[in-house]
Amino acid sequence: MSSGAGVADDGLAVSVRGLTKSYGGFDALVGVDLDVERGQILALLGPNGAGKTTTVEILEGYRRRDGGTVRVLGLDPGRDRTRLKPLVGIVLQSTGVEQYLTVTETVTLYSQCYPHPRPVGEVIERVGLAAKADARVKTLSGGQQRRLDMAVALAGDPELLFLDEPTTGFDPAARHEAWEVVKSLAELGKTILLTTHYMDEAQHLADRVAVIAGGRVIAEGTPDSLGERDRAQALIRFRLPDGMTPPVEAAPSARVDGWFELRADQPEAVLHRLTGWALDAGVTLEGLEVSRPSLEDVYLSLTAAPEARDRR
């Protein structure tokens, strides 16, 4: 970690309590509580207008809050922005780096703005641009330019990185490449707070996720436990030849759009009975699948609830 915070380490990179912000008569934030542990990747999820951008801008020190307490690396971003700036890196949805500089020149330029920069060559290697170190920015692909954005954010060796929808507009291959870059940054011990609309991105990258809606955090947890999805009943689906129905003792299922479906707390026991019956009967359980609610399912359920939209 870079030095310079000069504050006690309580294990939290970000601590927010009762955060509020209004614009005229509109309450954008109505009491946000949020913690991010040091070295953790936290994905902040929420629909447009939920308060994600306002929250992140307050944490970065670019917007003033109306109420609540905020600590970022032990500092108040509203009062200590000058001290905080060298300790954080920010990757916006779009940046304006000089197109005629090379990758090395760009990273060098930004690293000179920090008291304890990370070696330029190491930064370029870390984001996977070593082969493009002498290439001009204007010749880079969209995915490579996004890697350069991350290199710029990493140049000052920050303790905390804010990534604002880092893969928006990427094709699937480029998104997966960007994920590997983010993972490599986490391996350096960096704390990362990212906003995203991609549930698979949050599932793949985040140690924890927080869902914000209606100006407040309505759910937090690991990607696998959010909304108790790890405890939800499993859905078992399969098809059978026309005219066949599994006996109730094998699987008390119902036909839905040509599929037999049933839900089970213990799918292993149900599958044992079901597959045993199928083997004895000499039939194939076509398209057999077992699933639990996805992160996207849980997210949509949480953000569709009336209380998630209530801004009283």
C-alpha atoms as a PDB file:
ATOM      1  CA  MET A   1       0.000   0.000   0.000  1.00  0.00           C
ATOM      2  CA  SER A   2       1.065   3.524  -0.612  1.00  0.00           C
ATOM      3  CA  SER A   3       1.816   5.624   2.412  1.00  0.00           C
ATOM      4  CA  GLY A   4       0.377   8.959   3.354  1.00  0.00           C
ATOM      5  CA  ALA A   5      -3.015   8.411   4.950  1.00  0.00           C
ATOM      6  CA  GLY A   6      -1.642   8.848   8.442  1.00  0.00           C
ATOM      7  CA  VAL A   7      -4.801   7.444  10.035  1.00  0.00           C
ATOM      8  CA  ALA A   8      -5.639   4.408  12.110  1.00  0.00           C
ATOM      9  CA  ASP A   9      -6.458   1.274  10.115  1.00  0.00           C
ATOM     10  CA  ASP A  10      -9.761  -0.132  11.406  1.00  0.00           C
ATOM     11  CA  GLY A  11      -9.999  -2.627   8.558  1.00  0.00           C
ATOM     12  CA  LEU A  12     -12.378  -0.450   6.571  1.00  0.00           C
ATOM     13  CA  ALA A  13     -11.441   1.442   3.431  1.00  0.00           C
ATOM     14  CA  VAL A  14     -14.900   3.030   3.263  1.00  0.00           C
ATOM     15  CA  SER A  15     -17.371   3.655   6.075  1.00  0.00           C
ATOM     16  CA  VAL A  16     -20.643   5.476   5.428  1.00  0.00           C
ATOM     17  CA  ARG A  17     -23.477   6.096   7.896  1.00  0.00           C
ATOM     18  CA  GLY A  18     -26.741   7.948   7.294  1.00  0.00           C
ATOM     19  CA  LEU A  19     -25.579   9.599   4.057  1.00  0.00           C
ATOM     20  CA  THR A  20     -28.097  12.039   2.601  1.00  0.00           C
ATOM     21  CA  LYS A  21     -28.150  14.279  -0.454  1.00  0.00           C
ATOM     22  CA  SER A  22     -30.924  16.317  -2.055  1.00  0.00           C
ATOM     23  CA  TYR A  23     -31.173  18.279  -5.273  1.00  0.00           C
ATOM     24  CA  GLY A  24     -33.868  20.900  -4.862  1.00  0.00           C
ATOM     25  CA  GLY A  25     -36.909  18.934  -3.725  1.00  0.00           C
ATOM     26  CA  PHE A  26     -35.539  15.567  -4.858  1.00  0.00           C
ATOM     27  CA  ASP A  27     -33.987  13.272  -2.253  1.00  0.00           C
ATOM     28  CA  ALA A  28     -31.243  11.422  -4.113  1.00  0.00           C
ATOM     29  CA  LEU A  29     -29.879   9.726  -0.972  1.00  0.00           C
ATOM     30  CA  VAL A  30     -32.015   9.150   2.091  1.00  0.00           C
ATOM     31  CA  GLY A  31     -29.708   7.396   4.549  1.00  0.00           C
ATOM     32  CA  VAL A  32     -27.066   5.262   2.875  1.00  0.00           C
ATOM     33  CA  ASP A  33     -25.060   2.931   5.142  1.00  0.00           C
ATOM     34  CA  LEU A  34     -22.118   1.175   3.518  1.00  0.00           C
ATOM     35  CA  ASP A  35     -18.837  -0.461   4.508  1.00  0.00           C
ATOM     36  CA  VAL A  36     -16.011  -1.629   2.246  1.00  0.00           C
ATOM     37  CA  GLU A  37     -13.218  -3.631   3.831  1.00  0.00           C
ATOM     38  CA  ARG A  38      -9.609  -3.006   2.857  1.00  0.00           C
ATOM     39  CA  GLY A  39      -8.479  -5.312   0.062  1.00  0.00           C
ATOM     40  CA  GLN A  40     -12.068  -6.090  -0.914  1.00  0.00           C
ATOM     41  CA  ILE A  41     -13.813  -5.747  -4.268  1.00  0.00           C
ATOM     42  CA  LEU A  42     -17.305  -4.374  -3.717  1.00  0.00           C
ATOM     43  CA  ALA A  43     -19.786  -4.025  -6.583  1.00  0.00           C
ATOM     44  CA  LEU A  44     -22.396  -1.315  -6.145  1.00  0.00           C
ATOM     45  CA  LEU A  45     -25.522  -2.276  -8.084  1.00  0.00           C
ATOM     46  CA  GLY A  46     -28.672  -0.321  -8.742  1.00  0.00           C
ATOM     47  CA  PRO A  47     -30.981   0.967 -11.460  1.00  0.00           C
ATOM     48  CA  ASN A  48     -30.455   4.333 -13.112  1.00  0.00           C
ATOM     49  CA  GLY A  49     -31.406   7.106 -10.727  1.00  0.00           C
ATOM     50  CA  ALA A  50     -30.975   4.920  -7.652  1.00  0.00           C
ATOM     51  CA  GLY A  51     -28.186   7.028  -6.163  1.00  0.00           C
ATOM     52  CA  LYS A  52     -25.050   5.094  -7.224  1.00  0.00           C
ATOM     53  CA  THR A  53     -23.319   7.983  -8.971  1.00  0.00           C
ATOM     54  CA  THR A  54     -24.121  10.471  -6.209  1.00  0.00           C
ATOM     55  CA  THR A  55     -22.794   8.080  -3.568  1.00  0.00           C
ATOM     56  CA  VAL A  56     -19.562   7.416  -5.444  1.00  0.00           C
ATOM     57  CA  GLU A  57     -18.980  11.102  -6.214  1.00  0.00           C
ATOM     58  CA  ILE A  58     -19.334  11.921  -2.512  1.00  0.00           C
ATOM     59  CA  LEU A  59     -16.845   9.171  -1.648  1.00  0.00           C
ATOM     60  CA  GLU A  60     -14.414  10.535  -4.239  1.00  0.00           C
ATOM     61  CA  GLY A  61     -14.725  14.033  -2.797  1.00  0.00           C
ATOM     62  CA  TYR A  62     -16.265  15.547  -5.921  1.00  0.00           C
ATOM     63  CA  ARG A  63     -19.693  16.199  -4.431  1.00  0.00           C
ATOM     64  CA  ARG A  64     -20.701  17.509  -1.010  1.00  0.00           C
ATOM     65  CA  ARG A  65     -23.131  15.596   1.149  1.00  0.00           C
ATOM     66  CA  ASP A  66     -26.027  17.106   3.058  1.00  0.00           C
ATOM     67  CA  GLY A  67     -25.822  14.796   6.055  1.00  0.00           C
ATOM     68  CA  GLY A  68     -24.287  11.668   7.510  1.00  0.00           C
ATOM     69  CA  THR A  69     -20.725  10.607   8.183  1.00  0.00           C
ATOM     70  CA  VAL A  70     -18.278   9.429   5.503  1.00  0.00           C
ATOM     71  CA  ARG A  71     -14.771   8.064   5.960  1.00  0.00           C
ATOM     72  CA  VAL A  72     -12.609   7.017   3.011  1.00  0.00           C
ATOM     73  CA  LEU A  73      -9.252   5.567   4.070  1.00  0.00           C
ATOM     74  CA  GLY A  74      -9.907   7.229   7.421  1.00  0.00           C
ATOM     75  CA  LEU A  75     -10.397  10.675   5.894  1.00  0.00           C
ATOM     76  CA  ASP A  76     -13.481  12.800   5.355  1.00  0.00           C
ATOM     77  CA  PRO A  77     -13.638  13.393   1.581  1.00  0.00           C
ATOM     78  CA  GLY A  78     -15.619  16.567   2.133  1.00  0.00           C
ATOM     79  CA  ARG A  79     -12.892  18.170   4.267  1.00  0.00           C
ATOM     80  CA  ASP A  80      -9.750  16.234   3.379  1.00  0.00           C
ATOM     81  CA  ARG A  81      -9.942  16.008  -0.399  1.00  0.00           C
ATOM     82  CA  THR A  82      -6.369  17.244  -0.872  1.00  0.00           C
ATOM     83  CA  ARG A  83      -5.008  14.517   1.417  1.00  0.00           C
ATOM     84  CA  LEU A  84      -7.296  11.909  -0.123  1.00  0.00           C
ATOM     85  CA  LYS A  85      -6.532  12.524  -3.810  1.00  0.00           C
ATOM     86  CA  PRO A  86      -3.116  10.792  -3.880  1.00  0.00           C
ATOM     87  CA  LEU A  87      -4.629   7.733  -2.196  1.00  0.00           C
ATOM     88  CA  VAL A  88      -7.389   6.976  -4.705  1.00  0.00           C
ATOM     89  CA  GLY A  89      -7.557   6.155  -8.393  1.00  0.00           C
ATOM     90  CA  ILE A  90     -10.618   6.750 -10.537  1.00  0.00           C
ATOM     91  CA  VAL A  91     -11.662   5.101 -13.806  1.00  0.00           C
ATOM     92  CA  LEU A  92     -14.599   6.966 -15.335  1.00  0.00           C
ATOM     93  CA  GLN A  93     -16.856   5.647 -18.104  1.00  0.00           C
ATOM     94  CA  SER A  94     -14.923   7.828 -20.547  1.00  0.00           C
ATOM     95  CA  THR A  95     -11.642   9.704 -20.236  1.00  0.00           C
ATOM     96  CA  GLY A  96      -9.819  12.310 -22.289  1.00  0.00           C
ATOM     97  CA  VAL A  97      -6.169  11.278 -22.462  1.00  0.00           C
ATOM     98  CA  GLU A  98      -4.059  12.817 -25.237  1.00  0.00           C
ATOM     99  CA  GLN A  99      -4.428  10.665 -28.348  1.00  0.00           C
ATOM    100  CA  TYR A 100      -0.963  11.427 -29.781  1.00  0.00           C
ATOM    101  CA  LEU A 101       1.049  10.378 -26.741  1.00  0.00           C
ATOM    102  CA  THR A 102       2.325   6.833 -26.436  1.00  0.00           C
ATOM    103  CA  VAL A 103       1.135   4.495 -23.706  1.00  0.00           C
ATOM    104  CA  THR A 104       4.405   4.962 -21.804  1.00  0.00           C
ATOM    105  CA  GLU A 105       4.286   8.751 -22.162  1.00  0.00           C
ATOM    106  CA  THR A 106       0.686   8.827 -20.924  1.00  0.00           C
ATOM    107  CA  VAL A 107       1.321   6.762 -17.812  1.00  0.00           C
ATOM    108  CA  THR A 108       4.518   8.701 -17.096  1.00  0.00           C
ATOM    109  CA  LEU A 109       2.672  12.010 -17.373  1.00  0.00           C
ATOM    110  CA  TYR A 110       0.071  10.983 -14.817  1.00  0.00           C
ATOM    111  CA  SER A 111       2.520   9.260 -12.480  1.00  0.00           C
ATOM    112  CA  GLN A 112       4.395  12.554 -12.103  1.00  0.00           C
ATOM    113  CA  CYS A 113       1.332  14.023 -10.385  1.00  0.00           C
ATOM    114  CA  TYR A 114       1.725  11.699  -7.375  1.00  0.00           C
ATOM    115  CA  PRO A 115       4.229  11.685  -4.519  1.00  0.00           C
ATOM    116  CA  HIS A 116       4.860   7.922  -4.580  1.00  0.00           C
ATOM    117  CA  PRO A 117       4.049   6.609  -8.069  1.00  0.00           C
ATOM    118  CA  ARG A 118       4.285   2.984  -9.055  1.00  0.00           C
ATOM    119  CA  PRO A 119       7.032   2.197 -11.634  1.00  0.00           C
ATOM    120  CA  VAL A 120       5.662   3.006 -15.080  1.00  0.00           C
ATOM    121  CA  GLY A 121       6.841  -0.214 -16.688  1.00  0.00           C
ATOM    122  CA  GLU A 122       5.279  -2.286 -13.919  1.00  0.00           C
ATOM    123  CA  VAL A 123       1.964  -0.480 -14.290  1.00  0.00           C
ATOM    124  CA  ILE A 124       1.897  -1.050 -18.045  1.00  0.00           C
ATOM    125  CA  GLU A 125       2.773  -4.719 -17.558  1.00  0.00           C
ATOM    126  CA  ARG A 126       0.097  -5.115 -14.872  1.00  0.00           C
ATOM    127  CA  VAL A 127      -2.718  -3.943 -17.182  1.00  0.00           C
ATOM    128  CA  GLY A 128      -1.520  -6.059 -20.084  1.00  0.00           C
ATOM    129  CA  LEU A 129      -0.204  -3.299 -22.365  1.00  0.00           C
ATOM    130  CA  ALA A 130       3.507  -4.174 -22.437  1.00  0.00           C
ATOM    131  CA  ALA A 131       3.303  -4.997 -26.148  1.00  0.00           C
ATOM    132  CA  LYS A 132       1.740  -1.572 -26.774  1.00  0.00           C
ATOM    133  CA  ALA A 133       4.061   0.479 -24.582  1.00  0.00           C
ATOM    134  CA  ASP A 134       5.349   2.542 -27.527  1.00  0.00           C
ATOM    135  CA  ALA A 135       2.047   2.707 -29.427  1.00  0.00           C
ATOM    136  CA  ARG A 136       0.163   5.982 -29.678  1.00  0.00           C
ATOM    137  CA  VAL A 137      -3.128   6.112 -27.817  1.00  0.00           C
ATOM    138  CA  LYS A 138      -5.108   6.767 -31.006  1.00  0.00           C
ATOM    139  CA  THR A 139      -4.013   3.364 -32.402  1.00  0.00           C
ATOM    140  CA  LEU A 140      -5.353   1.367 -29.444  1.00  0.00           C
ATOM    141  CA  SER A 141      -8.545  -0.661 -29.621  1.00  0.00           C
ATOM    142  CA  GLY A 142     -11.427   0.186 -27.309  1.00  0.00           C
ATOM    143  CA  GLY A 143     -10.439  -2.575 -24.906  1.00  0.00           C
ATOM    144  CA  GLN A 144      -6.813  -1.455 -24.914  1.00  0.00           C
ATOM    145  CA  GLN A 145      -7.826   2.149 -24.213  1.00  0.00           C
ATOM    146  CA  ARG A 146      -9.828   0.896 -21.234  1.00  0.00           C
ATOM    147  CA  ARG A 147      -6.705  -0.877 -20.006  1.00  0.00           C
ATOM    148  CA  LEU A 148      -4.868   2.417 -20.364  1.00  0.00           C
ATOM    149  CA  ASP A 149      -7.563   4.112 -18.270  1.00  0.00           C
ATOM    150  CA  MET A 150      -6.838   1.576 -15.533  1.00  0.00           C
ATOM    151  CA  ALA A 151      -3.109   2.164 -15.902  1.00  0.00           C
ATOM    152  CA  VAL A 152      -3.633   5.898 -15.413  1.00  0.00           C
ATOM    153  CA  ALA A 153      -5.704   5.207 -12.285  1.00  0.00           C
ATOM    154  CA  LEU A 154      -2.997   2.874 -10.971  1.00  0.00           C
ATOM    155  CA  ALA A 155      -0.077   5.193 -11.784  1.00  0.00           C
ATOM    156  CA  GLY A 156      -0.063   6.880  -8.378  1.00  0.00           C
ATOM    157  CA  ASP A 157      -0.158   3.522  -6.555  1.00  0.00           C
ATOM    158  CA  PRO A 158      -3.520   4.276  -4.895  1.00  0.00           C
ATOM    159  CA  GLU A 159      -4.930   2.294  -2.017  1.00  0.00           C
ATOM    160  CA  LEU A 160      -8.484   2.524  -3.324  1.00  0.00           C
ATOM    161  CA  LEU A 161      -9.762   2.347  -6.903  1.00  0.00           C
ATOM    162  CA  PHE A 162     -13.169   3.520  -8.112  1.00  0.00           C
ATOM    163  CA  LEU A 163     -14.238   1.822 -11.353  1.00  0.00           C
ATOM    164  CA  ASP A 164     -17.350   3.306 -12.956  1.00  0.00           C
ATOM    165  CA  GLU A 165     -18.957   0.688 -15.221  1.00  0.00           C
ATOM    166  CA  PRO A 166     -15.521  -0.411 -16.457  1.00  0.00           C
ATOM    167  CA  THR A 167     -16.731  -2.660 -19.309  1.00  0.00           C
ATOM    168  CA  THR A 168     -19.720  -0.781 -20.722  1.00  0.00           C
ATOM    169  CA  GLY A 169     -19.836  -1.237 -24.501  1.00  0.00           C
ATOM    170  CA  PHE A 170     -17.285  -4.064 -24.543  1.00  0.00           C
ATOM    171  CA  ASP A 171     -17.777  -7.247 -26.535  1.00  0.00           C
ATOM    172  CA  PRO A 172     -17.725 -10.471 -24.451  1.00  0.00           C
ATOM    173  CA  ALA A 173     -14.047 -11.208 -25.125  1.00  0.00           C
ATOM    174  CA  ALA A 174     -12.947  -7.691 -24.177  1.00  0.00           C
ATOM    175  CA  ARG A 175     -15.076  -7.792 -21.020  1.00  0.00           C
ATOM    176  CA  HIS A 176     -13.407 -10.990 -19.850  1.00  0.00           C
ATOM    177  CA  GLU A 177      -9.982  -9.489 -20.544  1.00  0.00           C
ATOM    178  CA  ALA A 178     -10.899  -6.436 -18.482  1.00  0.00           C
ATOM    179  CA  TRP A 179     -12.048  -8.689 -15.656  1.00  0.00           C
ATOM    180  CA  GLU A 180      -8.610 -10.266 -15.549  1.00  0.00           C
ATOM    181  CA  VAL A 181      -7.062  -6.802 -15.260  1.00  0.00           C
ATOM    182  CA  VAL A 182      -9.340  -5.954 -12.337  1.00  0.00           C
ATOM    183  CA  LYS A 183      -8.460  -9.236 -10.656  1.00  0.00           C
ATOM    184  CA  SER A 184      -4.760  -8.484 -11.107  1.00  0.00           C
ATOM    185  CA  LEU A 185      -5.249  -5.114  -9.395  1.00  0.00           C
ATOM    186  CA  ALA A 186      -6.943  -6.846  -6.486  1.00  0.00           C
ATOM    187  CA  GLU A 187      -3.940  -9.166  -6.215  1.00  0.00           C
ATOM    188  CA  LEU A 188      -1.857  -6.079  -5.420  1.00  0.00           C
ATOM    189  CA  GLY A 189      -3.972  -5.620  -2.295  1.00  0.00           C
ATOM    190  CA  LYS A 190      -5.975  -2.725  -3.716  1.00  0.00           C
ATOM    191  CA  THR A 191      -9.484  -2.022  -2.498  1.00  0.00           C
ATOM    192  CA  ILE A 192     -11.859  -1.698  -5.440  1.00  0.00           C
ATOM    193  CA  LEU A 193     -15.342  -0.213  -5.543  1.00  0.00           C
ATOM    194  CA  LEU A 194     -16.993  -0.718  -8.914  1.00  0.00           C
ATOM    195  CA  THR A 195     -20.383   0.163 -10.291  1.00  0.00           C
ATOM    196  CA  THR A 196     -21.861  -2.068 -12.957  1.00  0.00           C
ATOM    197  CA  HIS A 197     -25.115  -3.030 -14.649  1.00  0.00           C
ATOM    198  CA  TYR A 198     -23.769  -6.475 -15.545  1.00  0.00           C
ATOM    199  CA  MET A 199     -24.744  -9.122 -13.014  1.00  0.00           C
ATOM    200  CA  ASP A 200     -22.226 -11.628 -14.381  1.00  0.00           C
ATOM    201  CA  GLU A 201     -19.516  -9.023 -13.856  1.00  0.00           C
ATOM    202  CA  ALA A 202     -20.494  -8.593 -10.221  1.00  0.00           C
ATOM    203  CA  GLN A 203     -20.713 -12.359  -9.801  1.00  0.00           C
ATOM    204  CA  HIS A 204     -17.246 -12.888 -11.273  1.00  0.00           C
ATOM    205  CA  LEU A 205     -15.374  -9.998  -9.661  1.00  0.00           C
ATOM    206  CA  ALA A 206     -16.946  -8.965  -6.390  1.00  0.00           C
ATOM    207  CA  ASP A 207     -16.235 -10.252  -2.907  1.00  0.00           C
ATOM    208  CA  ARG A 208     -19.406  -8.462  -1.830  1.00  0.00           C
ATOM    209  CA  VAL A 209     -22.237  -6.642  -3.539  1.00  0.00           C
ATOM    210  CA  ALA A 210     -24.501  -3.863  -2.312  1.00  0.00           C
ATOM    211  CA  VAL A 211     -27.774  -2.961  -4.004  1.00  0.00           C
ATOM    212  CA  ILE A 212     -28.869   0.656  -3.846  1.00  0.00           C
ATOM    213  CA  ALA A 213     -32.398   1.704  -4.767  1.00  0.00           C
ATOM    214  CA  GLY A 214     -34.614   4.553  -3.716  1.00  0.00           C
ATOM    215  CA  GLY A 215     -31.606   6.391  -2.314  1.00  0.00           C
ATOM    216  CA  ARG A 216     -30.645   3.724   0.236  1.00  0.00           C
ATOM    217  CA  VAL A 217     -28.793   0.418   0.362  1.00  0.00           C
ATOM    218  CA  ILE A 218     -31.500  -2.237   0.396  1.00  0.00           C
ATOM    219  CA  ALA A 219     -29.374  -5.404   0.419  1.00  0.00           C
ATOM    220  CA  GLU A 220     -25.768  -6.485   0.941  1.00  0.00           C
ATOM    221  CA  GLY A 221     -23.935  -9.784   0.840  1.00  0.00           C
ATOM    222  CA  THR A 222     -21.674 -11.985  -1.185  1.00  0.00           C
ATOM    223  CA  PRO A 223     -22.785 -12.593  -4.776  1.00  0.00           C
ATOM    224  CA  ASP A 224     -23.882 -16.101  -3.784  1.00  0.00           C
ATOM    225  CA  SER A 225     -25.772 -15.101  -0.636  1.00  0.00           C
ATOM    226  CA  LEU A 226     -27.444 -11.830  -1.648  1.00  0.00           C
ATOM    227  CA  GLY A 227     -31.146 -11.987  -0.872  1.00  0.00           C
ATOM    228  CA  GLU A 228     -30.543 -15.464   0.643  1.00  0.00           C
ATOM    229  CA  ARG A 229     -30.260 -16.919  -2.857  1.00  0.00           C
ATOM    230  CA  ASP A 230     -27.999 -19.630  -1.453  1.00  0.00           C
ATOM    231  CA  ARG A 231     -30.940 -20.790   0.669  1.00  0.00           C
ATOM    232  CA  ALA A 232     -33.587 -20.552  -2.026  1.00  0.00           C
ATOM    233  CA  GLN A 233     -35.270 -23.667  -3.329  1.00  0.00           C
ATOM    234  CA  ALA A 234     -33.701 -25.276  -6.365  1.00  0.00           C
ATOM    235  CA  LEU A 235     -35.741 -25.480  -9.570  1.00  0.00           C
ATOM    236  CA  ILE A 236     -35.637 -28.853 -11.341  1.00  0.00           C
ATOM    237  CA  ARG A 237     -36.846 -28.912 -14.962  1.00  0.00           C
ATOM    238  CA  PHE A 238     -37.046 -31.677 -17.548  1.00  0.00           C
ATOM    239  CA  ARG A 239     -39.092 -32.964 -20.473  1.00  0.00           C
ATOM    240  CA  LEU A 240     -40.669 -36.382 -20.999  1.00  0.00           C
ATOM    241  CA  PRO A 241     -42.087 -38.142 -24.074  1.00  0.00           C
ATOM    242  CA  ASP A 242     -45.691 -37.252 -24.862  1.00  0.00           C
ATOM    243  CA  GLY A 243     -48.165 -38.959 -22.600  1.00  0.00           C
ATOM    244  CA  MET A 244     -45.699 -39.689 -19.799  1.00  0.00           C
ATOM    245  CA  THR A 245     -45.844 -38.233 -16.318  1.00  0.00           C
ATOM    246  CA  PRO A 246     -43.538 -39.097 -13.416  1.00  0.00           C
ATOM    247  CA  PRO A 247     -45.318 -40.658 -10.429  1.00  0.00           C
ATOM    248  CA  VAL A 248     -45.888 -38.385  -7.453  1.00  0.00           C
ATOM    249  CA  GLU A 249     -43.603 -40.442  -5.245  1.00  0.00           C
ATOM    250  CA  ALA A 250     -40.731 -39.868  -7.709  1.00  0.00           C
ATOM    251  CA  ALA A 251     -41.265 -36.153  -8.274  1.00  0.00           C
ATOM    252  CA  PRO A 252     -44.417 -34.151  -7.469  1.00  0.00           C
ATOM    253  CA  SER A 253     -44.020 -31.978 -10.552  1.00  0.00           C
ATOM    254  CA  ALA A 254     -46.255 -29.770 -12.669  1.00  0.00           C
ATOM    255  CA  ARG A 255     -46.147 -29.267 -16.432  1.00  0.00           C
ATOM    256  CA  VAL A 256     -45.334 -25.684 -17.452  1.00  0.00           C
ATOM    257  CA  ASP A 257     -45.062 -24.837 -21.156  1.00  0.00           C
ATOM    258  CA  GLY A 258     -44.139 -28.412 -22.018  1.00  0.00           C
ATOM    259  CA  TRP A 259     -41.630 -28.732 -19.167  1.00  0.00           C
ATOM    260  CA  PHE A 260     -42.079 -30.575 -15.897  1.00  0.00           C
ATOM    261  CA  GLU A 261     -41.023 -28.349 -13.012  1.00  0.00           C
ATOM    262  CA  LEU A 262     -40.643 -28.814  -9.288  1.00  0.00           C
ATOM    263  CA  ARG A 263     -38.896 -26.979  -6.488  1.00  0.00           C
ATOM    264  CA  ALA A 264     -36.940 -28.629  -3.728  1.00  0.00           C
ATOM    265  CA  ASP A 265     -35.017 -27.656  -0.613  1.00  0.00           C
ATOM    266  CA  GLN A 266     -32.860 -30.770  -1.030  1.00  0.00           C
ATOM    267  CA  PRO A 267     -32.560 -31.380  -4.776  1.00  0.00           C
ATOM    268  CA  GLU A 268     -30.161 -34.294  -4.340  1.00  0.00           C
ATOM    269  CA  ALA A 269     -32.846 -36.487  -2.771  1.00  0.00           C
ATOM    270  CA  VAL A 270     -35.411 -35.550  -5.404  1.00  0.00           C
ATOM    271  CA  LEU A 271     -32.961 -36.181  -8.235  1.00  0.00           C
ATOM    272  CA  HIS A 272     -32.122 -39.596  -6.766  1.00  0.00           C
ATOM    273  CA  ARG A 273     -35.777 -40.630  -6.843  1.00  0.00           C
ATOM    274  CA  LEU A 274     -36.445 -39.033 -10.215  1.00  0.00           C
ATOM    275  CA  THR A 275     -33.459 -40.509 -12.040  1.00  0.00           C
ATOM    276  CA  GLY A 276     -34.094 -43.891 -10.416  1.00  0.00           C
ATOM    277  CA  TRP A 277     -37.638 -43.902 -11.785  1.00  0.00           C
ATOM    278  CA  ALA A 278     -36.406 -42.805 -15.238  1.00  0.00           C
ATOM    279  CA  LEU A 279     -33.844 -45.624 -15.367  1.00  0.00           C
ATOM    280  CA  ASP A 280     -36.419 -48.211 -14.309  1.00  0.00           C
ATOM    281  CA  ALA A 281     -38.929 -46.883 -16.844  1.00  0.00           C
ATOM    282  CA  GLY A 282     -36.323 -46.645 -19.609  1.00  0.00           C
ATOM    283  CA  VAL A 283     -37.084 -42.994 -20.380  1.00  0.00           C
ATOM    284  CA  THR A 284     -34.855 -39.972 -20.893  1.00  0.00           C
ATOM    285  CA  LEU A 285     -35.206 -36.842 -18.799  1.00  0.00           C
ATOM    286  CA  GLU A 286     -34.648 -34.523 -21.747  1.00  0.00           C
ATOM    287  CA  GLY A 287     -32.999 -31.186 -20.924  1.00  0.00           C
ATOM    288  CA  LEU A 288     -32.676 -32.016 -17.214  1.00  0.00           C
ATOM    289  CA  GLU A 289     -31.403 -28.970 -15.334  1.00  0.00           C
ATOM    290  CA  VAL A 290     -31.130 -27.848 -11.743  1.00  0.00           C
ATOM    291  CA  SER A 291     -30.833 -24.158 -10.897  1.00  0.00           C
ATOM    292  CA  ARG A 292     -31.203 -21.679  -8.085  1.00  0.00           C
ATOM    293  CA  PRO A 293     -32.169 -18.017  -8.500  1.00  0.00           C
ATOM    294  CA  SER A 294     -29.391 -16.139 -10.286  1.00  0.00           C
ATOM    295  CA  LEU A 295     -27.897 -12.905  -9.010  1.00  0.00           C
ATOM    296  CA  GLU A 296     -29.905 -11.149 -11.711  1.00  0.00           C
ATOM    297  CA  ASP A 297     -33.127 -12.809 -10.491  1.00  0.00           C
ATOM    298  CA  VAL A 298     -32.471 -11.622  -6.943  1.00  0.00           C
ATOM    299  CA  TYR A 299     -31.451  -8.132  -8.082  1.00  0.00           C
ATOM    300  CA  LEU A 300     -34.613  -7.690 -10.165  1.00  0.00           C
ATOM    301  CA  SER A 301     -36.760  -8.902  -7.288  1.00  0.00           C
ATOM    302  CA  LEU A 302     -35.099  -6.531  -4.818  1.00  0.00           C
ATOM    303  CA  THR A 303     -35.277  -3.452  -7.043  1.00  0.00           C
ATOM    304  CA  ALA A 304     -38.867  -4.154  -8.133  1.00  0.00           C
ATOM    305  CA  ALA A 305     -40.173  -4.153  -4.545  1.00  0.00           C
ATOM    306  CA  PRO A 306     -42.268  -1.062  -3.667  1.00  0.00           C
ATOM    307  CA  GLU A 307     -40.029  -0.179  -0.731  1.00  0.00           C
ATOM    308  CA  ALA A 308     -37.041  -0.043  -3.066  1.00  0.00           C
ATOM    309  CA  ARG A 309     -38.706   2.736  -5.011  1.00  0.00           C
ATOM    310  CA  ASP A 310     -40.028   4.655  -2.004  1.00  0.00           C
ATOM    311  CA  ARG A 311     -38.175   7.949  -1.482  1.00  0.00           C
ATOM    312  CA  ARG A 312     -40.127   9.280   1.460  1.00  0.00           C
END
